[in-house]
Amino acid sequence: MSYILVFIGGGLGSAARYFVNTVFKNFTNSYFPFATLTVNVVGSFLMGIVTALIAHKFFNNSEQMRLILTVGFLGGFTTFSSFSIETLTLLGKHQIFYAFTNVATNFTFGLLAAYFGIILMKNIL
């Protein structure tokens, strides 16, 4: 059953990431990979929220919710592999500023988003 939950969540998360990528392709024309930054920051924020909810026993079946939401959906939604390839592509195109900005913003905003998600849920709960 665990694999099915991860499979379902991962499929939905991947579809959501593809949707965000499509929207950004249609509305931006930039070297900077805004779509990946967006899914990584939003995913980190949501991961913080879900982690805090699980820690506070908000869900009756917390292990199943952890599998479908964090391992599945958010694992499929966020994307370290795309982040890595996009950064290397920027470096290959000698877009050094954009490459380092990509690393710094994903790292900084990802950590901050996860932190604020946890803090938000702690204050609400």
N, C-alpha and C. Protein backbone atom coordinates (compact mmCIF):
# COMPACT_ATOMS: atom_id res chain seq x y z
N MET A 1 0.82 -1.20 0.00
CA MET A 1 0.00 0.00 0.00
C MET A 1 0.86 1.26 0.00
N SER A 2 1.99 1.20 0.69
CA SER A 2 2.88 2.37 0.76
C SER A 2 3.34 2.80 -0.63
N TYR A 3 3.70 1.84 -1.47
CA TYR A 3 4.17 2.17 -2.81
C TYR A 3 3.07 2.81 -3.65
N ILE A 4 1.86 2.38 -3.45
CA ILE A 4 0.73 2.95 -4.20
C ILE A 4 0.52 4.41 -3.79
N LEU A 5 0.61 4.70 -2.50
CA LEU A 5 0.45 6.07 -2.03
C LEU A 5 1.54 6.98 -2.60
N VAL A 6 2.78 6.51 -2.58
CA VAL A 6 3.89 7.29 -3.14
C VAL A 6 3.71 7.46 -4.64
N PHE A 7 3.28 6.42 -5.32
CA PHE A 7 3.04 6.46 -6.76
C PHE A 7 1.98 7.51 -7.12
N ILE A 8 0.87 7.49 -6.41
CA ILE A 8 -0.21 8.44 -6.68
C ILE A 8 0.25 9.86 -6.38
N GLY A 9 0.83 10.06 -5.20
CA GLY A 9 1.30 11.40 -4.84
C GLY A 9 2.37 11.90 -5.80
N GLY A 10 3.32 11.03 -6.16
CA GLY A 10 4.39 11.42 -7.07
C GLY A 10 3.87 11.80 -8.44
N GLY A 11 2.89 11.05 -8.93
CA GLY A 11 2.30 11.38 -10.23
C GLY A 11 1.62 12.73 -10.22
N LEU A 12 0.87 12.99 -9.16
CA LEU A 12 0.19 14.29 -9.05
C LEU A 12 1.19 15.43 -8.90
N GLY A 13 2.24 15.20 -8.11
CA GLY A 13 3.27 16.22 -7.93
C GLY A 13 4.02 16.51 -9.22
N SER A 14 4.34 15.47 -9.97
CA SER A 14 5.03 15.66 -11.25
C SER A 14 4.15 16.40 -12.25
N ALA A 15 2.87 16.08 -12.27
CA ALA A 15 1.94 16.79 -13.16
C ALA A 15 1.83 18.26 -12.77
N ALA A 16 1.81 18.53 -11.48
CA ALA A 16 1.75 19.92 -11.00
C ALA A 16 3.02 20.67 -11.40
N ARG A 17 4.18 20.02 -11.28
CA ARG A 17 5.44 20.65 -11.68
C ARG A 17 5.44 20.94 -13.17
N TYR A 18 4.98 20.00 -13.97
CA TYR A 18 4.90 20.20 -15.42
C TYR A 18 4.00 21.40 -15.75
N PHE A 19 2.89 21.51 -15.04
CA PHE A 19 1.98 22.64 -15.23
C PHE A 19 2.70 23.96 -14.94
N VAL A 20 3.41 24.05 -13.82
CA VAL A 20 4.13 25.27 -13.47
C VAL A 20 5.19 25.58 -14.54
N ASN A 21 5.92 24.56 -14.99
CA ASN A 21 6.92 24.78 -16.04
C ASN A 21 6.28 25.32 -17.32
N THR A 22 5.13 24.77 -17.69
CA THR A 22 4.43 25.22 -18.89
C THR A 22 3.98 26.67 -18.76
N VAL A 23 3.44 27.02 -17.61
CA VAL A 23 3.00 28.41 -17.39
C VAL A 23 4.18 29.36 -17.51
N PHE A 24 5.30 29.04 -16.87
CA PHE A 24 6.46 29.92 -16.93
C PHE A 24 7.03 30.02 -18.33
N LYS A 25 7.03 28.93 -19.10
CA LYS A 25 7.52 28.98 -20.48
C LYS A 25 6.68 29.92 -21.33
N ASN A 26 5.38 29.96 -21.05
CA ASN A 26 4.48 30.79 -21.83
C ASN A 26 4.55 32.27 -21.45
N PHE A 27 5.05 32.57 -20.25
CA PHE A 27 5.01 33.95 -19.77
C PHE A 27 6.37 34.58 -19.49
N THR A 28 7.45 33.82 -19.58
CA THR A 28 8.76 34.40 -19.35
C THR A 28 9.70 34.01 -20.48
N ASN A 29 10.63 34.87 -20.73
CA ASN A 29 11.66 34.61 -21.73
C ASN A 29 12.98 35.03 -21.10
N SER A 30 13.48 34.18 -20.19
CA SER A 30 14.64 34.53 -19.40
C SER A 30 15.60 33.36 -19.34
N TYR A 31 16.87 33.67 -19.14
CA TYR A 31 17.84 32.61 -18.90
C TYR A 31 17.60 31.95 -17.55
N PHE A 32 17.08 32.72 -16.63
CA PHE A 32 16.94 32.22 -15.26
C PHE A 32 15.78 31.22 -15.16
N PRO A 33 16.01 30.07 -14.52
CA PRO A 33 14.96 29.03 -14.41
C PRO A 33 13.96 29.32 -13.28
N PHE A 34 13.08 30.27 -13.53
CA PHE A 34 12.10 30.69 -12.52
C PHE A 34 11.13 29.56 -12.14
N ALA A 35 10.77 28.71 -13.08
CA ALA A 35 9.82 27.63 -12.78
C ALA A 35 10.38 26.68 -11.73
N THR A 36 11.63 26.28 -11.89
CA THR A 36 12.24 25.37 -10.92
C THR A 36 12.39 26.04 -9.57
N LEU A 37 12.80 27.30 -9.58
CA LEU A 37 12.90 28.04 -8.31
C LEU A 37 11.54 28.08 -7.63
N THR A 38 10.50 28.35 -8.39
CA THR A 38 9.15 28.44 -7.83
C THR A 38 8.71 27.12 -7.21
N VAL A 39 8.86 26.01 -7.94
CA VAL A 39 8.41 24.74 -7.38
C VAL A 39 9.26 24.33 -6.18
N ASN A 40 10.55 24.66 -6.20
CA ASN A 40 11.38 24.30 -5.06
C ASN A 40 11.04 25.12 -3.82
N VAL A 41 10.77 26.41 -3.98
CA VAL A 41 10.42 27.25 -2.83
C VAL A 41 9.02 26.92 -2.32
N VAL A 42 8.05 26.82 -3.21
CA VAL A 42 6.69 26.47 -2.80
C VAL A 42 6.68 25.06 -2.18
N GLY A 43 7.39 24.14 -2.80
CA GLY A 43 7.46 22.78 -2.26
C GLY A 43 8.11 22.74 -0.88
N SER A 44 9.14 23.55 -0.67
CA SER A 44 9.78 23.61 0.65
C SER A 44 8.83 24.18 1.69
N PHE A 45 8.08 25.21 1.31
CA PHE A 45 7.09 25.79 2.22
C PHE A 45 6.03 24.75 2.59
N LEU A 46 5.52 24.08 1.58
CA LEU A 46 4.50 23.05 1.83
C LEU A 46 5.07 21.88 2.65
N MET A 47 6.34 21.55 2.41
CA MET A 47 6.98 20.49 3.18
C MET A 47 7.05 20.89 4.65
N GLY A 48 7.36 22.14 4.92
CA GLY A 48 7.38 22.63 6.29
C GLY A 48 6.01 22.54 6.94
N ILE A 49 4.99 22.92 6.21
CA ILE A 49 3.62 22.86 6.73
C ILE A 49 3.23 21.41 7.04
N VAL A 50 3.42 20.52 6.07
CA VAL A 50 3.02 19.12 6.25
C VAL A 50 3.82 18.47 7.37
N THR A 51 5.11 18.75 7.44
CA THR A 51 5.95 18.19 8.50
C THR A 51 5.47 18.63 9.87
N ALA A 52 5.14 19.90 9.99
CA ALA A 52 4.63 20.41 11.27
C ALA A 52 3.28 19.77 11.61
N LEU A 53 2.41 19.62 10.63
CA LEU A 53 1.11 19.00 10.87
C LEU A 53 1.27 17.55 11.32
N ILE A 54 2.18 16.84 10.70
CA ILE A 54 2.42 15.44 11.07
C ILE A 54 3.02 15.38 12.47
N ALA A 55 3.96 16.27 12.77
CA ALA A 55 4.60 16.28 14.09
C ALA A 55 3.59 16.57 15.20
N HIS A 56 2.58 17.35 14.90
CA HIS A 56 1.55 17.68 15.88
C HIS A 56 0.36 16.71 15.83
N LYS A 57 0.55 15.60 15.14
CA LYS A 57 -0.46 14.54 15.05
C LYS A 57 -1.79 15.07 14.51
N PHE A 58 -1.71 15.97 13.53
CA PHE A 58 -2.90 16.56 12.93
C PHE A 58 -3.68 15.53 12.13
N PHE A 59 -2.97 14.60 11.50
CA PHE A 59 -3.61 13.57 10.69
C PHE A 59 -3.75 12.29 11.52
N ASN A 60 -4.89 11.63 11.40
CA ASN A 60 -5.09 10.36 12.09
C ASN A 60 -4.14 9.28 11.58
N ASN A 61 -3.94 9.25 10.29
CA ASN A 61 -3.06 8.26 9.66
C ASN A 61 -1.81 8.97 9.14
N SER A 62 -1.00 9.47 10.06
CA SER A 62 0.11 10.35 9.68
C SER A 62 1.14 9.67 8.78
N GLU A 63 1.38 8.38 8.93
CA GLU A 63 2.37 7.72 8.07
C GLU A 63 1.88 7.67 6.62
N GLN A 64 0.60 7.39 6.41
CA GLN A 64 0.07 7.38 5.05
C GLN A 64 0.08 8.79 4.45
N MET A 65 -0.25 9.78 5.26
CA MET A 65 -0.24 11.16 4.77
C MET A 65 1.19 11.61 4.47
N ARG A 66 2.15 11.20 5.29
CA ARG A 66 3.55 11.52 5.04
C ARG A 66 3.99 10.93 3.71
N LEU A 67 3.62 9.69 3.46
CA LEU A 67 4.01 9.03 2.22
C LEU A 67 3.40 9.70 0.99
N ILE A 68 2.11 9.97 1.02
CA ILE A 68 1.46 10.53 -0.16
C ILE A 68 1.82 12.00 -0.37
N LEU A 69 1.96 12.76 0.72
CA LEU A 69 2.21 14.20 0.58
C LEU A 69 3.69 14.56 0.47
N THR A 70 4.52 14.05 1.38
CA THR A 70 5.93 14.48 1.36
C THR A 70 6.76 13.65 0.40
N VAL A 71 6.74 12.33 0.57
CA VAL A 71 7.54 11.48 -0.31
C VAL A 71 6.96 11.50 -1.73
N GLY A 72 5.66 11.38 -1.85
CA GLY A 72 5.00 11.33 -3.15
C GLY A 72 4.86 12.69 -3.82
N PHE A 73 3.86 13.45 -3.39
CA PHE A 73 3.52 14.70 -4.09
C PHE A 73 4.68 15.69 -4.09
N LEU A 74 5.21 16.02 -2.91
CA LEU A 74 6.26 17.03 -2.86
C LEU A 74 7.58 16.51 -3.43
N GLY A 75 7.81 15.20 -3.33
CA GLY A 75 8.98 14.61 -3.98
C GLY A 75 8.88 14.71 -5.50
N GLY A 76 7.68 14.54 -6.03
CA GLY A 76 7.47 14.68 -7.47
C GLY A 76 7.39 16.13 -7.93
N PHE A 77 6.94 17.00 -7.05
CA PHE A 77 6.75 18.41 -7.39
C PHE A 77 8.08 19.17 -7.39
N THR A 78 8.87 19.00 -6.36
CA THR A 78 10.16 19.68 -6.30
C THR A 78 11.17 18.90 -7.12
N THR A 79 12.27 19.56 -7.47
CA THR A 79 13.14 18.89 -8.41
C THR A 79 14.59 19.33 -8.29
N PHE A 80 15.35 18.57 -7.53
CA PHE A 80 16.77 18.86 -7.40
C PHE A 80 17.51 18.53 -8.70
N SER A 81 17.09 17.51 -9.39
CA SER A 81 17.77 17.13 -10.63
C SER A 81 17.64 18.22 -11.69
N SER A 82 16.45 18.79 -11.84
CA SER A 82 16.29 19.89 -12.81
C SER A 82 17.12 21.09 -12.39
N PHE A 83 17.11 21.39 -11.11
CA PHE A 83 17.92 22.48 -10.57
C PHE A 83 19.40 22.27 -10.93
N SER A 84 19.89 21.07 -10.76
CA SER A 84 21.29 20.77 -11.04
C SER A 84 21.61 20.94 -12.52
N ILE A 85 20.78 20.38 -13.38
CA ILE A 85 21.03 20.46 -14.83
C ILE A 85 20.90 21.90 -15.32
N GLU A 86 19.91 22.62 -14.83
CA GLU A 86 19.74 24.01 -15.25
C GLU A 86 20.94 24.85 -14.83
N THR A 87 21.47 24.59 -13.64
CA THR A 87 22.65 25.33 -13.18
C THR A 87 23.85 25.00 -14.06
N LEU A 88 24.05 23.72 -14.36
CA LEU A 88 25.16 23.34 -15.24
C LEU A 88 24.99 23.90 -16.65
N THR A 89 23.76 23.96 -17.14
CA THR A 89 23.50 24.53 -18.46
C THR A 89 23.86 26.01 -18.48
N LEU A 90 23.48 26.72 -17.42
CA LEU A 90 23.83 28.14 -17.32
C LEU A 90 25.35 28.32 -17.30
N LEU A 91 26.05 27.47 -16.55
CA LEU A 91 27.51 27.55 -16.52
C LEU A 91 28.10 27.25 -17.90
N GLY A 92 27.53 26.26 -18.60
CA GLY A 92 28.00 25.92 -19.94
C GLY A 92 27.80 27.04 -20.94
N LYS A 93 26.80 27.87 -20.70
CA LYS A 93 26.52 29.03 -21.57
C LYS A 93 27.23 30.28 -21.07
N HIS A 94 28.09 30.11 -20.09
CA HIS A 94 28.86 31.21 -19.49
C HIS A 94 27.96 32.26 -18.84
N GLN A 95 26.83 31.81 -18.36
CA GLN A 95 25.91 32.68 -17.62
C GLN A 95 26.21 32.52 -16.13
N ILE A 96 27.39 32.92 -15.73
CA ILE A 96 27.89 32.69 -14.38
C ILE A 96 27.00 33.35 -13.34
N PHE A 97 26.62 34.58 -13.59
CA PHE A 97 25.77 35.30 -12.64
C PHE A 97 24.46 34.55 -12.41
N TYR A 98 23.81 34.13 -13.49
CA TYR A 98 22.55 33.41 -13.36
C TYR A 98 22.74 32.06 -12.67
N ALA A 99 23.82 31.39 -12.95
CA ALA A 99 24.08 30.09 -12.33
C ALA A 99 24.23 30.24 -10.82
N PHE A 100 25.05 31.17 -10.39
CA PHE A 100 25.24 31.34 -8.96
C PHE A 100 24.01 31.94 -8.28
N THR A 101 23.28 32.78 -8.99
CA THR A 101 22.03 33.29 -8.45
C THR A 101 21.03 32.16 -8.27
N ASN A 102 20.99 31.23 -9.22
CA ASN A 102 20.11 30.08 -9.14
C ASN A 102 20.43 29.24 -7.90
N VAL A 103 21.70 28.96 -7.67
CA VAL A 103 22.11 28.17 -6.51
C VAL A 103 21.74 28.91 -5.22
N ALA A 104 22.10 30.18 -5.15
CA ALA A 104 21.86 30.96 -3.93
C ALA A 104 20.38 31.12 -3.62
N THR A 105 19.57 31.39 -4.64
CA THR A 105 18.15 31.62 -4.38
C THR A 105 17.42 30.32 -4.04
N ASN A 106 17.74 29.22 -4.73
CA ASN A 106 17.10 27.95 -4.38
C ASN A 106 17.46 27.53 -2.97
N PHE A 107 18.71 27.65 -2.61
CA PHE A 107 19.16 27.26 -1.27
C PHE A 107 18.54 28.17 -0.20
N THR A 108 18.68 29.47 -0.38
CA THR A 108 18.21 30.43 0.64
C THR A 108 16.70 30.41 0.77
N PHE A 109 16.00 30.57 -0.34
CA PHE A 109 14.55 30.65 -0.27
C PHE A 109 13.92 29.29 0.07
N GLY A 110 14.56 28.21 -0.36
CA GLY A 110 14.05 26.89 0.01
C GLY A 110 14.10 26.67 1.51
N LEU A 111 15.24 27.00 2.13
CA LEU A 111 15.36 26.86 3.58
C LEU A 111 14.40 27.79 4.31
N LEU A 112 14.33 29.04 3.86
CA LEU A 112 13.42 30.00 4.50
C LEU A 112 11.97 29.57 4.37
N ALA A 113 11.60 29.07 3.20
CA ALA A 113 10.21 28.65 2.99
C ALA A 113 9.86 27.48 3.89
N ALA A 114 10.74 26.49 4.01
CA ALA A 114 10.49 25.35 4.90
C ALA A 114 10.37 25.84 6.34
N TYR A 115 11.26 26.73 6.74
CA TYR A 115 11.24 27.28 8.10
C TYR A 115 9.92 28.01 8.38
N PHE A 116 9.51 28.88 7.46
CA PHE A 116 8.27 29.63 7.66
C PHE A 116 7.04 28.74 7.63
N GLY A 117 7.08 27.67 6.85
CA GLY A 117 5.98 26.70 6.86
C GLY A 117 5.83 26.04 8.23
N ILE A 118 6.97 25.65 8.81
CA ILE A 118 6.94 25.04 10.14
C ILE A 118 6.47 26.05 11.18
N ILE A 119 7.02 27.27 11.14
CA ILE A 119 6.64 28.30 12.11
C ILE A 119 5.15 28.64 11.98
N LEU A 120 4.66 28.75 10.76
CA LEU A 120 3.24 29.05 10.55
C LEU A 120 2.36 28.00 11.21
N MET A 121 2.68 26.74 10.99
CA MET A 121 1.86 25.68 11.56
C MET A 121 2.00 25.61 13.09
N LYS A 122 3.17 25.88 13.62
CA LYS A 122 3.35 25.89 15.06
C LYS A 122 2.49 26.99 15.69
N ASN A 123 2.39 28.12 15.04
CA ASN A 123 1.58 29.23 15.55
C ASN A 123 0.09 28.95 15.43
N ILE A 124 -0.28 28.26 14.36
CA ILE A 124 -1.70 27.93 14.18
C ILE A 124 -2.12 26.81 15.12
N LEU A 125 -1.26 25.82 15.28
CA LEU A 125 -1.60 24.68 16.13
C LEU A 125 -1.32 25.01 17.57
